[in-house]
N, C-alpha and C. Protein backbone atom coordinates (compact mmCIF):
# COMPACT_ATOMS: atom_id res chain seq x y z
N MET A 1 122.56 8.12 191.84
CA MET A 1 123.87 8.73 192.79
C MET A 1 124.50 9.66 191.68
N PRO A 2 124.73 11.03 192.16
CA PRO A 2 125.70 11.96 191.35
C PRO A 2 127.01 11.27 191.03
N ASN A 3 127.22 11.92 189.52
CA ASN A 3 128.77 10.95 189.45
C ASN A 3 129.58 12.35 189.05
N SER A 4 129.99 12.77 190.12
CA SER A 4 130.98 14.17 190.16
C SER A 4 131.72 14.26 191.42
N PRO A 5 133.02 14.88 191.30
CA PRO A 5 133.97 14.65 192.51
C PRO A 5 133.64 15.86 193.69
N PHE A 6 132.73 16.91 193.46
CA PHE A 6 132.38 17.77 194.24
C PHE A 6 131.21 18.34 193.86
N PRO A 7 130.51 19.27 194.66
CA PRO A 7 128.99 19.69 194.64
C PRO A 7 129.07 20.65 193.32
N ILE A 8 127.72 20.04 192.50
CA ILE A 8 127.48 21.09 191.36
C ILE A 8 125.74 20.95 191.09
N ALA A 9 125.26 22.37 191.02
CA ALA A 9 123.98 22.43 190.93
C ALA A 9 123.25 22.86 189.60
N ALA A 10 122.12 21.80 189.38
CA ALA A 10 121.64 21.67 187.89
C ALA A 10 120.65 23.16 187.88
N LEU A 11 120.55 23.63 186.96
CA LEU A 11 119.62 24.93 186.70
C LEU A 11 118.75 24.56 185.20
N VAL A 12 117.66 23.90 185.38
CA VAL A 12 116.72 23.84 184.46
C VAL A 12 116.19 24.80 183.95
N LEU A 13 116.04 25.06 182.88
CA LEU A 13 115.20 26.47 182.38
C LEU A 13 113.74 26.05 181.69
N ALA A 14 112.74 26.30 182.39
CA ALA A 14 111.38 25.90 181.76
C ALA A 14 110.68 27.06 181.65
N GLY A 15 110.60 28.42 180.98
CA GLY A 15 110.12 29.28 180.96
C GLY A 15 109.94 29.99 179.69
N GLY A 16 110.32 29.29 178.57
CA GLY A 16 110.03 30.00 177.51
C GLY A 16 108.93 29.75 176.72
N GLN A 17 108.61 30.68 175.83
CA GLN A 17 107.29 30.64 175.14
C GLN A 17 106.86 29.42 174.16
N SER A 18 108.10 28.84 173.63
CA SER A 18 107.76 27.47 172.90
C SER A 18 106.77 28.05 171.60
N SER A 19 106.99 29.31 171.06
CA SER A 19 106.27 29.99 169.89
C SER A 19 106.37 29.00 168.89
N ARG A 20 107.72 28.36 168.57
CA ARG A 20 107.86 27.81 167.13
C ARG A 20 107.36 26.44 167.40
N MET A 21 107.35 26.03 168.48
CA MET A 21 106.48 24.81 168.64
C MET A 21 104.89 24.50 168.71
N GLY A 22 104.38 25.73 169.16
CA GLY A 22 103.04 25.94 169.29
C GLY A 22 102.35 25.32 170.47
N ARG A 23 103.28 24.83 171.29
CA ARG A 23 102.90 24.36 172.62
C ARG A 23 104.00 24.11 173.66
N ASP A 24 103.73 23.81 174.82
CA ASP A 24 104.79 23.90 175.71
C ASP A 24 105.72 22.40 175.71
N LYS A 25 106.96 23.09 174.91
CA LYS A 25 107.76 21.84 175.04
C LYS A 25 108.34 21.19 176.08
N ALA A 26 108.22 21.48 177.11
CA ALA A 26 108.41 20.92 178.48
C ALA A 26 107.48 19.49 178.70
N LEU A 27 106.51 19.88 178.13
CA LEU A 27 105.40 18.99 178.55
C LEU A 27 105.31 17.79 177.47
N ILE A 28 106.36 17.73 176.39
CA ILE A 28 105.90 17.04 175.17
C ILE A 28 106.66 15.78 175.45
N LEU A 29 105.93 14.55 175.17
CA LEU A 29 106.79 13.15 175.72
C LEU A 29 107.84 12.92 174.37
N TRP A 30 108.66 12.57 175.15
CA TRP A 30 109.95 11.64 174.34
C TRP A 30 110.09 10.73 174.92
N ASP A 31 109.94 9.40 174.00
CA ASP A 31 110.06 8.17 174.53
C ASP A 31 109.15 7.65 175.85
N GLY A 32 107.94 8.42 176.15
CA GLY A 32 107.32 8.19 176.93
C GLY A 32 107.32 9.25 178.03
N LYS A 33 108.21 9.97 178.09
CA LYS A 33 108.47 11.01 179.20
C LYS A 33 108.62 12.67 178.79
N PRO A 34 107.76 13.27 179.67
CA PRO A 34 107.70 14.60 179.30
C PRO A 34 109.44 15.23 178.94
N MET A 35 109.72 15.91 178.06
CA MET A 35 111.10 16.28 177.96
C MET A 35 111.73 16.99 179.24
N LEU A 36 110.85 17.59 179.82
CA LEU A 36 111.48 18.35 181.05
C LEU A 36 112.03 17.23 182.13
N GLN A 37 111.15 16.33 182.53
CA GLN A 37 111.62 15.05 183.32
C GLN A 37 113.08 14.32 182.70
N ARG A 38 112.97 14.07 181.52
CA ARG A 38 114.10 13.48 180.74
C ARG A 38 115.36 14.26 181.21
N VAL A 39 115.22 15.62 181.09
CA VAL A 39 116.24 16.53 181.23
C VAL A 39 116.63 16.53 182.75
N CYS A 40 115.84 16.63 183.61
CA CYS A 40 116.16 16.57 185.13
C CYS A 40 116.70 15.18 185.44
N LEU A 41 116.28 14.25 184.84
CA LEU A 41 116.66 12.81 185.07
C LEU A 41 118.45 12.77 184.76
N ALA A 42 118.59 13.37 183.78
CA ALA A 42 120.02 13.41 183.27
C ALA A 42 121.02 14.29 184.09
N ALA A 43 120.51 15.33 184.42
CA ALA A 43 121.13 16.25 185.19
C ALA A 43 121.09 15.74 186.84
N ALA A 44 120.66 15.04 187.26
CA ALA A 44 120.79 14.38 188.20
C ALA A 44 121.89 13.35 188.70
N TYR A 45 122.33 12.70 187.32
CA TYR A 45 123.19 11.59 187.27
C TYR A 45 124.40 12.52 187.86
N CYS A 46 124.91 13.73 187.49
CA CYS A 46 126.14 14.52 187.92
C CYS A 46 125.97 15.73 188.55
N CYS A 47 125.12 15.76 189.07
CA CYS A 47 124.70 17.15 189.99
C CYS A 47 124.10 16.82 191.36
N GLN A 48 124.46 17.14 192.47
CA GLN A 48 123.74 16.99 193.78
C GLN A 48 122.36 17.43 194.00
N SER A 49 122.25 18.50 193.20
CA SER A 49 121.07 19.06 193.31
C SER A 49 120.28 19.58 191.61
N VAL A 50 119.09 19.57 191.81
CA VAL A 50 118.58 19.84 190.52
C VAL A 50 117.40 20.71 190.61
N SER A 51 117.69 22.21 190.23
CA SER A 51 116.30 23.16 190.73
C SER A 51 115.92 23.64 189.00
N ILE A 52 114.68 23.83 188.99
CA ILE A 52 113.80 23.75 187.75
C ILE A 52 113.28 25.56 188.19
N LEU A 53 113.78 26.50 186.99
CA LEU A 53 113.26 27.71 187.13
C LEU A 53 112.55 27.89 186.13
N SER A 54 111.09 28.53 186.59
CA SER A 54 110.08 28.42 185.89
C SER A 54 109.01 29.68 186.44
N PRO A 55 108.50 30.47 185.56
CA PRO A 55 107.48 31.12 185.81
C PRO A 55 106.05 30.45 186.60
N TRP A 56 105.97 29.49 185.97
CA TRP A 56 104.70 28.67 186.21
C TRP A 56 105.06 27.03 186.70
N PRO A 57 105.64 27.18 187.94
CA PRO A 57 106.06 25.77 188.32
C PRO A 57 105.04 24.79 188.31
N GLU A 58 103.92 25.50 189.08
CA GLU A 58 102.55 24.44 189.22
C GLU A 58 101.97 24.01 187.81
N ARG A 59 102.35 24.40 186.57
CA ARG A 59 102.03 23.62 185.41
C ARG A 59 103.02 22.24 185.40
N TYR A 60 103.97 22.29 185.98
CA TYR A 60 104.63 21.05 185.87
C TYR A 60 104.94 19.98 186.96
N ARG A 61 104.54 20.40 188.25
CA ARG A 61 104.61 19.73 189.59
C ARG A 61 104.10 18.48 189.21
N GLU A 62 102.83 18.07 188.56
CA GLU A 62 102.27 16.85 188.51
C GLU A 62 103.14 15.77 187.59
N ILE A 63 103.61 16.21 186.61
CA ILE A 63 104.19 15.53 185.74
C ILE A 63 105.80 15.17 185.69
N VAL A 64 106.37 16.21 186.65
CA VAL A 64 107.81 16.01 186.85
C VAL A 64 107.72 15.33 188.24
N THR A 65 108.23 14.22 188.30
CA THR A 65 108.45 13.65 189.74
C THR A 65 110.22 13.43 190.10
N GLY A 66 110.27 13.86 191.20
CA GLY A 66 111.76 13.67 191.81
C GLY A 66 112.01 14.89 192.64
N ASP A 67 113.40 14.53 193.27
CA ASP A 67 113.60 15.37 194.32
C ASP A 67 114.14 16.65 193.84
N TYR A 68 113.08 17.52 193.16
CA TYR A 68 113.73 18.84 192.71
C TYR A 68 113.11 19.97 193.03
N GLN A 69 114.07 20.95 192.96
CA GLN A 69 113.62 22.26 194.14
C GLN A 69 112.92 23.23 192.62
N TRP A 70 112.03 23.76 193.32
CA TRP A 70 111.29 24.63 192.31
C TRP A 70 111.53 26.22 192.60
N LEU A 71 112.06 26.88 191.70
CA LEU A 71 112.54 28.22 191.68
C LEU A 71 111.24 29.08 190.70
N VAL A 72 110.65 30.12 191.26
CA VAL A 72 110.12 30.84 190.43
C VAL A 72 110.51 31.95 189.61
N GLU A 73 110.58 32.07 188.78
CA GLU A 73 111.43 33.06 187.80
C GLU A 73 110.51 34.35 187.73
N SER A 74 111.84 35.49 188.38
CA SER A 74 110.91 36.73 188.62
C SER A 74 110.89 37.68 187.45
N HIS A 75 111.58 37.32 186.21
CA HIS A 75 111.55 38.30 185.51
C HIS A 75 111.47 37.27 183.71
N PRO A 76 110.12 37.00 183.92
CA PRO A 76 110.03 35.82 182.87
C PRO A 76 110.14 36.39 181.66
N GLY A 77 110.48 35.59 180.34
CA GLY A 77 110.39 36.32 179.15
C GLY A 77 111.68 37.09 178.83
N GLN A 78 112.53 37.47 179.60
CA GLN A 78 113.65 38.10 179.70
C GLN A 78 114.94 37.48 179.17
N GLY A 79 114.76 35.94 178.85
CA GLY A 79 115.74 35.39 177.99
C GLY A 79 116.62 34.42 178.83
N PRO A 80 117.73 33.49 178.41
CA PRO A 80 118.24 32.53 179.45
C PRO A 80 119.27 33.21 180.27
N LEU A 81 119.71 34.51 179.66
CA LEU A 81 120.98 35.13 180.29
C LEU A 81 120.40 35.59 181.48
N ILE A 82 119.39 36.16 181.74
CA ILE A 82 118.83 36.90 182.82
C ILE A 82 118.40 35.82 183.59
N ALA A 83 118.02 34.36 183.42
CA ALA A 83 117.69 33.46 183.79
C ALA A 83 118.70 32.92 184.77
N LEU A 84 119.92 32.65 184.09
CA LEU A 84 121.30 32.25 184.47
C LEU A 84 121.64 33.09 185.75
N THR A 85 121.67 34.36 185.69
CA THR A 85 121.53 35.24 186.88
C THR A 85 121.16 35.10 187.94
N GLU A 86 119.56 34.86 187.93
CA GLU A 86 118.61 34.51 188.98
C GLU A 86 119.18 33.36 189.78
N GLY A 87 119.46 32.12 188.67
CA GLY A 87 119.69 31.06 189.28
C GLY A 87 121.21 31.20 189.77
N LEU A 88 122.13 32.00 189.65
CA LEU A 88 123.52 31.93 190.33
C LEU A 88 123.25 32.84 191.79
N ALA A 89 122.30 33.52 191.61
CA ALA A 89 122.03 34.35 192.95
C ALA A 89 121.39 33.54 194.03
N ILE A 90 120.68 32.49 193.55
CA ILE A 90 120.03 31.59 194.71
C ILE A 90 120.83 30.38 195.15
N LEU A 91 121.53 29.70 194.05
CA LEU A 91 121.91 28.52 194.21
C LEU A 91 123.37 28.81 194.97
N GLU A 92 123.78 27.76 195.67
CA GLU A 92 125.18 28.10 196.61
C GLU A 92 126.40 27.13 196.32
N GLU A 93 125.93 26.18 195.21
CA GLU A 93 127.24 25.58 194.74
C GLU A 93 127.98 26.22 194.18
N ASP A 94 129.36 26.07 193.96
CA ASP A 94 130.33 26.79 193.07
C ASP A 94 129.93 26.56 191.76
N TRP A 95 129.54 25.71 191.16
CA TRP A 95 129.42 25.30 189.51
C TRP A 95 127.89 25.14 189.55
N VAL A 96 127.27 25.98 188.57
CA VAL A 96 126.05 25.35 188.00
C VAL A 96 125.85 25.15 186.56
N LEU A 97 125.35 23.73 186.51
CA LEU A 97 124.99 23.02 184.93
C LEU A 97 123.80 24.01 184.94
N LEU A 98 123.63 24.70 183.57
CA LEU A 98 122.70 25.23 183.06
C LEU A 98 122.00 24.39 181.80
N LEU A 99 120.69 24.13 181.79
CA LEU A 99 120.26 23.26 180.90
C LEU A 99 118.75 23.97 180.48
N ALA A 100 118.84 24.00 179.06
CA ALA A 100 117.41 24.15 178.39
C ALA A 100 116.51 22.69 178.61
N CYS A 101 115.35 23.00 178.69
CA CYS A 101 114.10 21.85 179.09
C CYS A 101 114.02 21.15 177.81
N ASP A 102 114.32 21.55 176.46
CA ASP A 102 114.28 21.06 175.20
C ASP A 102 115.26 20.10 174.55
N LEU A 103 116.37 19.87 175.58
CA LEU A 103 117.22 18.64 175.35
C LEU A 103 116.87 16.82 175.56
N PRO A 104 115.83 16.87 175.08
CA PRO A 104 115.79 15.13 175.84
C PRO A 104 116.59 14.00 175.39
N ALA A 105 117.56 14.29 174.21
CA ALA A 105 118.77 13.22 173.94
C ALA A 105 119.70 13.32 174.91
N LEU A 106 119.84 14.24 176.15
CA LEU A 106 121.12 14.37 176.63
C LEU A 106 121.43 12.73 177.36
N GLN A 107 122.69 12.56 177.55
CA GLN A 107 123.45 11.52 177.86
C GLN A 107 124.34 11.65 178.96
N PRO A 108 123.75 11.31 179.82
CA PRO A 108 124.15 11.59 181.60
C PRO A 108 125.86 11.16 181.52
N GLU A 109 126.11 10.01 180.84
CA GLU A 109 127.35 9.84 180.89
C GLU A 109 128.38 10.91 180.16
N ILE A 110 127.95 11.40 179.25
CA ILE A 110 128.50 12.59 178.69
C ILE A 110 128.83 14.09 179.78
N LEU A 111 127.68 14.19 180.29
CA LEU A 111 127.62 15.35 181.23
C LEU A 111 128.29 15.03 182.32
N GLY A 112 128.48 13.66 182.95
CA GLY A 112 129.43 13.27 183.82
C GLY A 112 131.20 13.68 183.76
N GLN A 113 131.06 12.92 182.40
CA GLN A 113 132.57 13.22 181.86
C GLN A 113 132.82 14.79 181.73
N TRP A 114 132.02 15.85 181.35
CA TRP A 114 132.39 17.18 181.35
C TRP A 114 132.48 17.50 182.69
N ALA A 115 131.50 17.04 183.61
CA ALA A 115 131.36 17.46 184.90
C ALA A 115 133.10 17.44 185.70
N ARG A 116 133.71 16.17 185.35
CA ARG A 116 134.79 15.65 186.20
C ARG A 116 136.11 16.50 185.71
N GLN A 117 135.66 17.44 184.58
CA GLN A 117 137.14 18.45 184.55
C GLN A 117 136.85 19.26 185.20
N LEU A 118 135.70 19.67 185.76
CA LEU A 118 135.74 21.11 186.79
C LEU A 118 136.72 21.11 187.80
N PRO A 119 137.32 20.16 188.53
CA PRO A 119 138.42 20.50 189.26
C PRO A 119 139.57 20.56 189.15
N ASP A 120 139.64 20.70 187.93
CA ASP A 120 141.08 20.90 187.05
C ASP A 120 141.20 22.06 186.47
N LEU A 121 140.30 23.01 186.47
CA LEU A 121 139.93 24.13 185.75
C LEU A 121 140.83 25.15 186.50
N PRO A 122 141.55 25.94 185.94
CA PRO A 122 141.95 27.24 186.83
C PRO A 122 141.04 28.00 187.09
N PRO A 123 141.36 28.79 188.32
CA PRO A 123 140.26 29.91 189.07
C PRO A 123 139.52 30.81 188.05
N ASN A 124 140.59 31.24 187.28
CA ASN A 124 140.11 32.34 186.41
C ASN A 124 139.01 31.73 185.18
N ILE A 125 138.86 30.66 185.03
CA ILE A 125 137.73 29.96 184.30
C ILE A 125 136.32 30.20 184.57
N ILE A 126 135.55 30.85 184.20
CA ILE A 126 134.57 31.12 184.75
C ILE A 126 133.25 30.31 184.03
N ALA A 127 133.45 29.43 182.99
CA ALA A 127 132.54 28.62 182.25
C ALA A 127 133.19 27.46 181.39
N LEU A 128 132.29 26.20 181.69
CA LEU A 128 132.81 25.17 180.66
C LEU A 128 131.91 24.96 179.78
N VAL A 129 131.75 25.12 178.34
CA VAL A 129 131.12 25.04 177.69
C VAL A 129 131.15 24.65 176.59
N PRO A 130 130.16 23.63 175.77
CA PRO A 130 130.34 23.15 174.28
C PRO A 130 130.65 24.36 173.16
N ARG A 131 131.17 23.77 172.32
CA ARG A 131 131.73 24.61 171.30
C ARG A 131 131.59 24.13 169.80
N GLN A 132 130.54 24.54 169.11
CA GLN A 132 130.41 23.93 167.62
C GLN A 132 130.86 24.75 166.50
N GLY A 133 131.97 24.72 166.28
CA GLY A 133 132.35 25.67 164.94
C GLY A 133 132.78 26.92 165.69
N THR A 134 131.75 28.15 165.64
CA THR A 134 131.97 29.28 166.07
C THR A 134 130.94 29.64 166.93
N ARG A 135 130.13 28.60 167.41
CA ARG A 135 129.02 29.06 168.16
C ARG A 135 129.07 27.83 169.21
N TRP A 136 128.88 29.01 170.59
CA TRP A 136 128.94 28.08 171.95
C TRP A 136 127.43 27.69 172.03
N GLU A 137 127.25 26.38 172.69
CA GLU A 137 126.07 25.88 172.91
C GLU A 137 125.78 26.29 174.58
N PRO A 138 125.38 27.28 174.80
CA PRO A 138 125.29 27.93 176.12
C PRO A 138 124.49 27.31 176.99
N LEU A 139 123.34 26.43 176.38
CA LEU A 139 122.30 26.01 177.34
C LEU A 139 122.11 24.56 177.63
N CYS A 140 123.55 24.36 177.73
CA CYS A 140 124.01 23.03 178.18
C CYS A 140 125.76 23.17 178.86
N GLY A 141 125.72 24.23 179.57
CA GLY A 141 127.25 24.22 180.03
C GLY A 141 127.14 24.58 181.45
N PHE A 142 128.46 24.51 181.92
CA PHE A 142 128.76 24.86 183.11
C PHE A 142 129.27 26.10 183.65
N TYR A 143 128.66 26.74 184.90
CA TYR A 143 129.10 28.23 185.05
C TYR A 143 129.70 28.12 186.47
N ARG A 144 130.70 29.00 186.72
CA ARG A 144 131.06 29.23 188.12
C ARG A 144 130.38 30.30 188.72
N ARG A 145 129.91 30.00 189.69
CA ARG A 145 128.96 30.99 190.51
C ARG A 145 129.94 32.24 190.86
N SER A 146 131.22 32.21 190.82
CA SER A 146 131.98 33.70 190.98
C SER A 146 131.92 34.45 189.72
N GLY A 147 131.45 33.82 188.54
CA GLY A 147 131.36 34.80 187.74
C GLY A 147 130.22 35.86 187.54
N ARG A 148 129.15 35.40 188.45
CA ARG A 148 128.06 36.48 188.40
C ARG A 148 127.78 37.86 188.47
N SER A 149 129.07 38.33 188.95
CA SER A 149 129.19 39.78 188.97
C SER A 149 129.86 40.57 187.49
N ARG A 150 130.32 39.34 186.95
CA ARG A 150 130.62 39.90 185.64
C ARG A 150 129.31 39.81 184.63
N LEU A 151 128.77 38.78 184.97
CA LEU A 151 127.58 38.50 183.99
C LEU A 151 126.47 39.62 184.35
N GLU A 152 126.14 40.15 185.65
CA GLU A 152 125.53 41.32 185.93
C GLU A 152 126.27 42.70 185.40
N SER A 153 127.32 42.90 185.05
CA SER A 153 127.94 44.04 184.54
C SER A 153 127.43 44.19 182.94
N PHE A 154 127.58 42.87 182.53
CA PHE A 154 127.06 42.54 181.19
C PHE A 154 125.92 42.74 180.85
N ILE A 155 124.76 42.58 181.44
CA ILE A 155 123.65 42.83 181.44
C ILE A 155 123.04 44.33 181.64
N GLN A 156 124.13 44.58 182.74
CA GLN A 156 123.67 46.47 183.05
C GLN A 156 124.04 47.31 182.08
N ALA A 157 124.92 46.65 181.29
CA ALA A 157 125.61 47.36 179.98
C ALA A 157 124.75 47.02 178.87
N GLY A 158 123.68 46.26 178.97
CA GLY A 158 122.63 46.27 178.06
C GLY A 158 122.96 44.83 177.19
N GLY A 159 123.80 43.94 177.56
CA GLY A 159 123.88 42.87 177.04
C GLY A 159 123.07 41.78 176.98
N ARG A 160 122.29 40.90 176.35
CA ARG A 160 121.56 39.92 176.33
C ARG A 160 121.69 38.60 175.64
N SER A 161 123.10 38.65 175.04
CA SER A 161 123.50 37.65 174.36
C SER A 161 124.25 36.45 174.81
N PHE A 162 124.24 35.56 174.84
CA PHE A 162 125.09 34.30 175.34
C PHE A 162 126.20 34.15 174.54
N GLN A 163 126.18 34.56 173.21
CA GLN A 163 127.56 34.13 172.29
C GLN A 163 128.14 35.57 172.62
N ALA A 164 127.72 36.54 173.05
CA ALA A 164 128.60 37.71 172.97
C ALA A 164 129.03 37.66 174.44
N TRP A 165 128.40 37.51 175.66
CA TRP A 165 129.05 37.46 177.02
C TRP A 165 130.25 36.24 176.80
N LEU A 166 130.17 35.06 176.60
CA LEU A 166 130.91 33.99 176.41
C LEU A 166 132.02 34.24 175.58
N SER A 167 132.16 35.19 174.60
CA SER A 167 133.24 35.83 173.74
C SER A 167 134.07 36.53 174.51
N GLU A 168 133.50 37.18 176.02
CA GLU A 168 134.03 38.20 176.69
C GLU A 168 135.06 37.71 177.86
N ILE A 169 134.54 36.49 178.33
CA ILE A 169 134.95 35.97 179.68
C ILE A 169 135.82 34.63 179.25
N PRO A 170 136.55 34.26 180.33
CA PRO A 170 137.33 33.07 179.99
C PRO A 170 136.53 31.88 180.11
N VAL A 171 136.77 31.39 179.16
CA VAL A 171 135.98 29.89 178.83
C VAL A 171 136.62 28.79 178.45
N LYS A 172 136.60 27.68 178.59
CA LYS A 172 137.17 26.47 178.48
C LYS A 172 136.29 25.91 177.53
N PRO A 173 136.34 25.65 176.19
CA PRO A 173 135.42 25.17 175.48
C PRO A 173 135.52 23.48 175.38
N LEU A 174 134.16 22.89 175.26
CA LEU A 174 134.33 21.59 175.72
C LEU A 174 133.88 20.74 174.09
N THR A 175 135.04 20.15 173.52
CA THR A 175 134.89 19.44 172.17
C THR A 175 133.40 19.05 171.70
N VAL A 176 133.11 19.24 170.44
CA VAL A 176 131.65 18.49 170.27
C VAL A 176 132.12 17.84 169.07
N ARG A 177 131.76 16.39 169.28
CA ARG A 177 131.86 15.49 167.99
C ARG A 177 130.26 15.18 167.83
N SER A 178 130.25 14.03 166.81
CA SER A 178 129.08 13.52 166.29
C SER A 178 128.15 13.06 167.42
N GLN A 179 128.49 12.57 168.53
CA GLN A 179 127.70 11.76 169.52
C GLN A 179 127.36 13.34 170.72
N GLU A 180 128.02 14.09 170.83
CA GLU A 180 127.78 15.40 171.61
C GLU A 180 126.74 16.22 170.77
N ALA A 181 126.93 16.36 169.31
CA ALA A 181 126.14 17.07 168.54
C ALA A 181 124.61 16.44 168.56
N LEU A 182 124.63 15.28 168.48
CA LEU A 182 123.02 14.84 168.50
C LEU A 182 122.67 14.97 169.82
N MET A 183 123.32 14.79 171.02
CA MET A 183 123.03 15.19 172.21
C MET A 183 122.43 16.55 172.72
N LEU A 184 123.21 17.67 171.73
CA LEU A 184 122.78 18.88 172.06
C LEU A 184 121.76 19.26 171.20
N ARG A 185 121.05 18.62 170.33
CA ARG A 185 120.08 18.93 169.62
C ARG A 185 118.71 19.36 170.29
N ASN A 186 118.47 20.41 170.15
CA ASN A 186 117.14 20.87 170.87
C ASN A 186 115.88 20.88 169.98
N CYS A 187 114.84 20.94 170.78
CA CYS A 187 113.69 20.83 169.96
C CYS A 187 112.87 22.07 169.99
N ASN A 188 112.92 22.73 168.49
CA ASN A 188 112.02 23.99 168.43
C ASN A 188 111.00 23.61 167.86
N SER A 189 110.90 22.87 167.03
CA SER A 189 109.56 22.79 166.04
C SER A 189 109.36 21.33 166.00
N TYR A 190 107.99 20.97 165.50
CA TYR A 190 107.86 19.45 165.52
C TYR A 190 108.74 18.58 164.57
N GLU A 191 109.40 19.35 163.47
CA GLU A 191 110.39 18.56 162.58
C GLU A 191 111.47 18.12 163.63
N ASP A 192 111.69 18.61 164.64
CA ASP A 192 112.99 18.53 165.21
C ASP A 192 112.28 17.30 166.04
N LEU A 193 111.49 16.99 166.40
CA LEU A 193 111.02 15.80 167.26
C LEU A 193 111.18 14.63 166.43
N LEU A 194 111.13 14.74 165.15
CA LEU A 194 111.31 13.50 164.20
C LEU A 194 112.37 12.54 164.10
C-alpha cells in the first residue's frame, strides 16, 4: 500500500552498461532477490505506480514480478538526465521518484518520510534530492513534472550533468545522516557488494 498523501510515480532506471561491474547489475542477487526487484519493491511503498525504463525490458520481465509498467528507453546510453526527461514526458503524476536499479539497500520507510514532504514544498521547488556535502544524490530523488521544460532547455544547451543541473534549479536538499548514507550506497563493482 503506497505510503504517500498524493500520487507519485517511480521511474526506475535499468539501462546502464554496468561496465565496472562486468555484468548486468540489475540482475545481481542481493539477499536472494535481483537488485532491480528490490528497488521496485521499495518504490512501491511510497508510489502509486512504478515504471521501469530500459532499452531491453525483455531481459527483466521474467525476474521482476509485480504490477510494474515497462517503458522502452528511446535514447539508450545517453545517461540518466536524458532518461529522466523521457520519463517526465510519459508519466502523468506531478512528482516522479527517480531511482537507479543498483540501490539494493533502499529503506521504504525513509523514502516514505521523504515523500510526505512533497505536499508542503512551494510551487517553485522543482526537486527534492538528498545531498551529501557538496554532492547531490540525484538517482534517489523526487522531481516535479512541471520542471521538464527547464530540464529540456538545459539538455538542449549541451548539459548532461545532474550535478550542474541541480545547481541551476530550485531544489530542496534532503539531509543525509549515516542511515540514509548507507541506503544511498550504490553498487558499481564487486567490492561494493561486500
